[in-house]
Amino acid sequence: MKHFSLSSGMTTMRGIFYPRGHIVMMFPTEKDALLAAKLLREDGVSEDEMSLATPEEFDHAITGLCDEHSDLLLPSVGTEADTALHFRQLAHDGHYALVVHANARLTSDHVVELLKDTHCSYGQRYRFLVIEDLVC
């Protein structure tokens, strides 16, 4: 599994976290995130399609998109700023992030079913112009 790295394709033109084509899930512990990654791997998701971020790394990646003197992201017409703030709060609370490249076979319903017995605390699938809630 790769180490999480924020790329330019994971933000909007305004610099807000929006990793289109990815599923982002938060887990209360590293052990929970690694179990989810194991289940996804056993289901055929390649190591190269997954990355893990510690709470500090994920918080830093999202905070880096903000004005360093502000605790709020730039305002937005959509929900992407609120969603990024939610991810940031979970990272502040110590949750680990698992970021998965979502190909067409990896549907949201399939991921929810596959990970139903894990301790996923929050999940989103980022599509073109749509953020889809994963009911973890």
Foldseek 3Di string as FASTA:
>chain_A
DAADDDDPCQADPLQFGFNAQKKKWKAQDPVLLVVLVVLVVVVPADPVQKHKYWLVRLLCSRCVSDDVVDPAHDDDPDCRRVVSNVSNVSSVVGIMMMMGRHDPVRDLVNSCVSSVPGRTPWMWHHHVVDIHTRPD
